[in-house]
Amino acid sequence: MRAIIALLLSLFAMPAFAAATCAPVTTEAKILASADALDVHPDWADGSTVGLSWSLDLQGDAEGSDGEFYLVGDLIDPRGNVITEGVYANVMEWECDSDE
């Protein structure tokens, strides 16, 4: 019993890292394969778009050769499923916030 209590206390004492989550500000947001506005991800090249209830689990950002900044992360559908991993998105088309 003491071991279980000690384990639980150690888990609660660990620092919590909140990942930023981003949401599209328009249904015209492009899903990209790289930090290039013209490099539409192959899974999204057929003209498909994301709805406003989709999200991006932010993993980082990148600056493109065009000087624009791009978000990098996993695309999440409205049900919480990862649909496309490691995508890029123009920072101007998404709004991010963090739990921190």
N, C-alpha and C. Protein backbone atom coordinates (compact mmCIF):
# COMPACT_ATOMS: atom_id res chain seq x y z
N MET A 1 0.82 -1.19 0.00
CA MET A 1 0.00 0.00 0.00
C MET A 1 0.87 1.26 0.00
N ARG A 2 1.95 1.25 0.80
CA ARG A 2 2.84 2.41 0.84
C ARG A 2 3.51 2.64 -0.51
N ALA A 3 3.82 1.54 -1.20
CA ALA A 3 4.46 1.67 -2.51
C ALA A 3 3.51 2.33 -3.51
N ILE A 4 2.24 1.99 -3.44
CA ILE A 4 1.25 2.59 -4.35
C ILE A 4 1.10 4.07 -4.06
N ILE A 5 1.03 4.43 -2.81
CA ILE A 5 0.92 5.84 -2.43
C ILE A 5 2.16 6.61 -2.87
N ALA A 6 3.34 6.03 -2.67
CA ALA A 6 4.58 6.68 -3.09
C ALA A 6 4.61 6.87 -4.61
N LEU A 7 4.14 5.87 -5.35
CA LEU A 7 4.10 5.97 -6.80
C LEU A 7 3.16 7.09 -7.24
N LEU A 8 1.98 7.13 -6.65
CA LEU A 8 1.02 8.17 -7.00
C LEU A 8 1.56 9.56 -6.68
N LEU A 9 2.19 9.71 -5.53
CA LEU A 9 2.76 11.01 -5.16
C LEU A 9 3.87 11.42 -6.12
N SER A 10 4.68 10.47 -6.55
CA SER A 10 5.76 10.81 -7.49
C SER A 10 5.21 11.21 -8.85
N LEU A 11 4.10 10.60 -9.28
CA LEU A 11 3.49 10.98 -10.55
C LEU A 11 2.93 12.38 -10.50
N PHE A 12 2.30 12.73 -9.37
CA PHE A 12 1.74 14.07 -9.25
C PHE A 12 2.82 15.14 -9.10
N ALA A 13 3.99 14.76 -8.64
CA ALA A 13 5.08 15.71 -8.46
C ALA A 13 5.82 16.00 -9.74
N MET A 14 5.62 15.19 -10.80
CA MET A 14 6.31 15.39 -12.06
C MET A 14 5.78 16.65 -12.73
N PRO A 15 6.66 17.40 -13.40
CA PRO A 15 6.19 18.61 -14.08
C PRO A 15 5.27 18.26 -15.23
N ALA A 16 4.27 19.07 -15.41
CA ALA A 16 3.33 18.85 -16.50
C ALA A 16 3.70 19.78 -17.65
N PHE A 17 3.81 19.21 -18.83
CA PHE A 17 4.13 20.00 -20.01
C PHE A 17 2.88 20.07 -20.86
N ALA A 18 2.39 21.27 -21.08
CA ALA A 18 1.19 21.46 -21.86
C ALA A 18 1.56 21.72 -23.31
N ALA A 19 1.05 20.90 -24.18
CA ALA A 19 1.30 21.09 -25.61
C ALA A 19 0.29 22.08 -26.16
N ALA A 20 0.76 22.90 -27.04
CA ALA A 20 -0.14 23.86 -27.68
C ALA A 20 -1.03 23.15 -28.68
N THR A 21 -2.24 23.60 -28.78
CA THR A 21 -3.18 23.09 -29.76
C THR A 21 -3.63 24.27 -30.61
N CYS A 22 -3.75 24.02 -31.89
CA CYS A 22 -4.12 25.08 -32.82
C CYS A 22 -5.41 24.71 -33.55
N ALA A 23 -6.17 25.73 -33.91
CA ALA A 23 -7.41 25.53 -34.66
C ALA A 23 -7.38 26.42 -35.90
N PRO A 24 -7.93 25.95 -37.00
CA PRO A 24 -7.94 26.79 -38.20
C PRO A 24 -8.87 27.98 -38.01
N VAL A 25 -8.50 29.12 -38.58
CA VAL A 25 -9.35 30.31 -38.51
C VAL A 25 -10.20 30.45 -39.76
N THR A 26 -9.97 29.56 -40.71
CA THR A 26 -10.72 29.56 -41.95
C THR A 26 -10.83 28.12 -42.48
N THR A 27 -11.88 27.85 -43.21
CA THR A 27 -12.02 26.52 -43.82
C THR A 27 -11.14 26.41 -45.06
N GLU A 28 -10.46 27.47 -45.42
CA GLU A 28 -9.55 27.47 -46.57
C GLU A 28 -8.11 27.16 -46.17
N ALA A 29 -7.86 26.82 -44.89
CA ALA A 29 -6.51 26.52 -44.42
C ALA A 29 -5.93 25.34 -45.19
N LYS A 30 -4.71 25.51 -45.69
CA LYS A 30 -4.05 24.45 -46.46
C LYS A 30 -3.23 23.56 -45.53
N ILE A 31 -3.21 22.28 -45.86
CA ILE A 31 -2.36 21.32 -45.15
C ILE A 31 -1.17 21.07 -46.06
N LEU A 32 0.02 21.38 -45.57
CA LEU A 32 1.23 21.37 -46.39
C LEU A 32 2.17 20.22 -46.02
N ALA A 33 3.02 19.84 -46.97
CA ALA A 33 4.01 18.78 -46.74
C ALA A 33 5.34 19.34 -46.27
N SER A 34 5.55 20.65 -46.45
CA SER A 34 6.80 21.30 -46.03
C SER A 34 6.52 22.78 -45.77
N ALA A 35 7.55 23.49 -45.37
CA ALA A 35 7.42 24.92 -45.09
C ALA A 35 7.46 25.70 -46.41
N ASP A 36 6.50 25.40 -47.27
CA ASP A 36 6.37 26.02 -48.58
C ASP A 36 4.89 26.11 -48.90
N ALA A 37 4.40 27.32 -49.11
CA ALA A 37 2.96 27.54 -49.33
C ALA A 37 2.41 26.79 -50.54
N LEU A 38 3.27 26.42 -51.48
CA LEU A 38 2.82 25.73 -52.69
C LEU A 38 2.93 24.22 -52.58
N ASP A 39 3.51 23.71 -51.50
CA ASP A 39 3.73 22.27 -51.33
C ASP A 39 2.59 21.64 -50.54
N VAL A 40 1.43 21.52 -51.16
CA VAL A 40 0.26 20.93 -50.51
C VAL A 40 0.55 19.46 -50.22
N HIS A 41 0.20 19.02 -49.00
CA HIS A 41 0.43 17.63 -48.61
C HIS A 41 -0.32 16.71 -49.57
N PRO A 42 0.31 15.61 -50.01
CA PRO A 42 -0.34 14.70 -50.98
C PRO A 42 -1.70 14.19 -50.53
N ASP A 43 -1.88 13.97 -49.23
CA ASP A 43 -3.17 13.49 -48.73
C ASP A 43 -4.26 14.55 -48.84
N TRP A 44 -3.86 15.80 -49.07
CA TRP A 44 -4.80 16.92 -49.11
C TRP A 44 -4.78 17.63 -50.46
N ALA A 45 -4.11 17.04 -51.44
CA ALA A 45 -3.95 17.68 -52.75
C ALA A 45 -5.20 17.60 -53.63
N ASP A 46 -6.18 16.82 -53.21
CA ASP A 46 -7.38 16.67 -54.03
C ASP A 46 -8.39 17.80 -53.81
N GLY A 47 -8.01 18.81 -53.06
CA GLY A 47 -8.91 19.93 -52.80
C GLY A 47 -9.67 19.81 -51.50
N SER A 48 -9.44 18.74 -50.75
CA SER A 48 -10.10 18.58 -49.44
C SER A 48 -9.69 19.72 -48.52
N THR A 49 -10.59 20.09 -47.63
CA THR A 49 -10.30 21.16 -46.67
C THR A 49 -10.62 20.68 -45.26
N VAL A 50 -10.05 21.37 -44.29
CA VAL A 50 -10.35 21.06 -42.90
C VAL A 50 -11.49 21.96 -42.43
N GLY A 51 -12.30 21.44 -41.55
CA GLY A 51 -13.35 22.24 -40.96
C GLY A 51 -12.82 22.99 -39.74
N LEU A 52 -13.61 23.87 -39.21
CA LEU A 52 -13.18 24.68 -38.07
C LEU A 52 -13.08 23.88 -36.79
N SER A 53 -13.58 22.65 -36.76
CA SER A 53 -13.48 21.82 -35.55
C SER A 53 -12.27 20.89 -35.58
N TRP A 54 -11.45 20.97 -36.61
CA TRP A 54 -10.21 20.20 -36.67
C TRP A 54 -9.17 20.91 -35.82
N SER A 55 -8.07 20.23 -35.51
CA SER A 55 -7.01 20.87 -34.73
C SER A 55 -5.64 20.35 -35.16
N LEU A 56 -4.63 21.06 -34.70
CA LEU A 56 -3.25 20.71 -34.98
C LEU A 56 -2.53 20.63 -33.64
N ASP A 57 -2.01 19.45 -33.31
CA ASP A 57 -1.19 19.32 -32.10
C ASP A 57 0.20 19.82 -32.46
N LEU A 58 0.50 20.99 -31.96
CA LEU A 58 1.72 21.69 -32.34
C LEU A 58 2.97 20.99 -31.80
N GLN A 59 3.92 20.74 -32.71
CA GLN A 59 5.20 20.15 -32.34
C GLN A 59 6.34 21.13 -32.53
N GLY A 60 6.11 22.18 -33.28
CA GLY A 60 7.16 23.17 -33.51
C GLY A 60 6.76 24.11 -34.62
N ASP A 61 7.75 24.83 -35.12
CA ASP A 61 7.51 25.74 -36.23
C ASP A 61 8.74 25.76 -37.13
N ALA A 62 8.57 26.32 -38.30
CA ALA A 62 9.66 26.39 -39.27
C ALA A 62 9.48 27.65 -40.10
N GLU A 63 10.61 28.20 -40.54
CA GLU A 63 10.55 29.35 -41.44
C GLU A 63 10.80 28.85 -42.85
N GLY A 64 9.91 29.24 -43.75
CA GLY A 64 10.06 28.82 -45.14
C GLY A 64 11.03 29.71 -45.88
N SER A 65 11.42 29.29 -47.06
CA SER A 65 12.34 30.09 -47.88
C SER A 65 11.69 31.39 -48.33
N ASP A 66 10.36 31.46 -48.23
CA ASP A 66 9.63 32.67 -48.58
C ASP A 66 9.59 33.68 -47.42
N GLY A 67 10.19 33.31 -46.28
CA GLY A 67 10.20 34.19 -45.11
C GLY A 67 8.97 34.05 -44.22
N GLU A 68 8.01 33.25 -44.64
CA GLU A 68 6.81 33.01 -43.84
C GLU A 68 7.10 31.95 -42.78
N PHE A 69 6.31 31.99 -41.70
CA PHE A 69 6.45 30.99 -40.66
C PHE A 69 5.34 29.96 -40.78
N TYR A 70 5.70 28.72 -40.48
CA TYR A 70 4.77 27.61 -40.60
C TYR A 70 4.75 26.80 -39.31
N LEU A 71 3.57 26.32 -38.95
CA LEU A 71 3.41 25.44 -37.80
C LEU A 71 3.70 24.01 -38.26
N VAL A 72 4.23 23.21 -37.36
CA VAL A 72 4.49 21.79 -37.66
C VAL A 72 3.80 20.97 -36.58
N GLY A 73 3.04 19.96 -36.99
CA GLY A 73 2.36 19.13 -36.01
C GLY A 73 1.54 18.03 -36.65
N ASP A 74 0.73 17.40 -35.83
CA ASP A 74 -0.15 16.32 -36.28
C ASP A 74 -1.57 16.86 -36.42
N LEU A 75 -2.20 16.53 -37.53
CA LEU A 75 -3.57 16.99 -37.80
C LEU A 75 -4.56 16.06 -37.12
N ILE A 76 -5.47 16.63 -36.34
CA ILE A 76 -6.44 15.88 -35.54
C ILE A 76 -7.85 16.17 -36.06
N ASP A 77 -8.63 15.12 -36.28
CA ASP A 77 -10.00 15.32 -36.74
C ASP A 77 -10.91 15.66 -35.55
N PRO A 78 -12.16 16.02 -35.81
CA PRO A 78 -13.08 16.40 -34.73
C PRO A 78 -13.32 15.31 -33.68
N ARG A 79 -13.05 14.05 -34.01
CA ARG A 79 -13.23 12.95 -33.05
C ARG A 79 -11.98 12.67 -32.22
N GLY A 80 -10.91 13.43 -32.49
CA GLY A 80 -9.68 13.27 -31.72
C GLY A 80 -8.68 12.30 -32.31
N ASN A 81 -8.92 11.84 -33.53
CA ASN A 81 -8.01 10.90 -34.18
C ASN A 81 -6.93 11.64 -34.98
N VAL A 82 -5.70 11.15 -34.90
CA VAL A 82 -4.63 11.70 -35.73
C VAL A 82 -4.89 11.24 -37.16
N ILE A 83 -5.07 12.19 -38.05
CA ILE A 83 -5.37 11.89 -39.45
C ILE A 83 -4.12 11.94 -40.31
N THR A 84 -3.29 12.96 -40.10
CA THR A 84 -2.06 13.10 -40.86
C THR A 84 -0.97 13.59 -39.92
N GLU A 85 0.14 12.86 -39.86
CA GLU A 85 1.24 13.21 -38.97
C GLU A 85 2.25 14.11 -39.69
N GLY A 86 2.88 14.98 -38.91
CA GLY A 86 3.99 15.78 -39.41
C GLY A 86 3.65 16.73 -40.55
N VAL A 87 2.52 17.40 -40.43
CA VAL A 87 2.12 18.35 -41.47
C VAL A 87 2.61 19.76 -41.13
N TYR A 88 2.59 20.61 -42.13
CA TYR A 88 2.92 22.02 -41.98
C TYR A 88 1.67 22.83 -42.27
N ALA A 89 1.57 23.99 -41.64
CA ALA A 89 0.43 24.87 -41.87
C ALA A 89 0.89 26.31 -41.71
N ASN A 90 0.39 27.18 -42.56
CA ASN A 90 0.74 28.59 -42.48
C ASN A 90 0.24 29.17 -41.17
N VAL A 91 1.12 29.84 -40.44
CA VAL A 91 0.78 30.37 -39.12
C VAL A 91 -0.38 31.37 -39.19
N MET A 92 -0.56 32.02 -40.33
CA MET A 92 -1.64 33.01 -40.47
C MET A 92 -3.02 32.35 -40.62
N GLU A 93 -3.06 31.06 -40.91
CA GLU A 93 -4.33 30.36 -41.10
C GLU A 93 -4.81 29.61 -39.87
N TRP A 94 -4.00 29.65 -38.79
CA TRP A 94 -4.32 28.89 -37.58
C TRP A 94 -4.13 29.77 -36.35
N GLU A 95 -4.90 29.49 -35.32
CA GLU A 95 -4.80 30.19 -34.04
C GLU A 95 -4.42 29.15 -32.98
N CYS A 96 -3.35 29.44 -32.25
CA CYS A 96 -2.86 28.48 -31.26
C CYS A 96 -2.98 29.05 -29.86
N ASP A 97 -3.19 28.14 -28.92
CA ASP A 97 -3.10 28.53 -27.51
C ASP A 97 -2.60 27.36 -26.72
N SER A 98 -2.13 27.63 -25.54
CA SER A 98 -1.52 26.62 -24.69
C SER A 98 -2.23 26.59 -23.36
N ASP A 99 -2.14 25.45 -22.66
CA ASP A 99 -2.74 25.32 -21.34
C ASP A 99 -1.88 25.97 -20.27
N GLU A 100 -0.68 26.41 -20.64
CA GLU A 100 0.23 26.99 -19.65
C GLU A 100 -0.18 28.40 -19.31
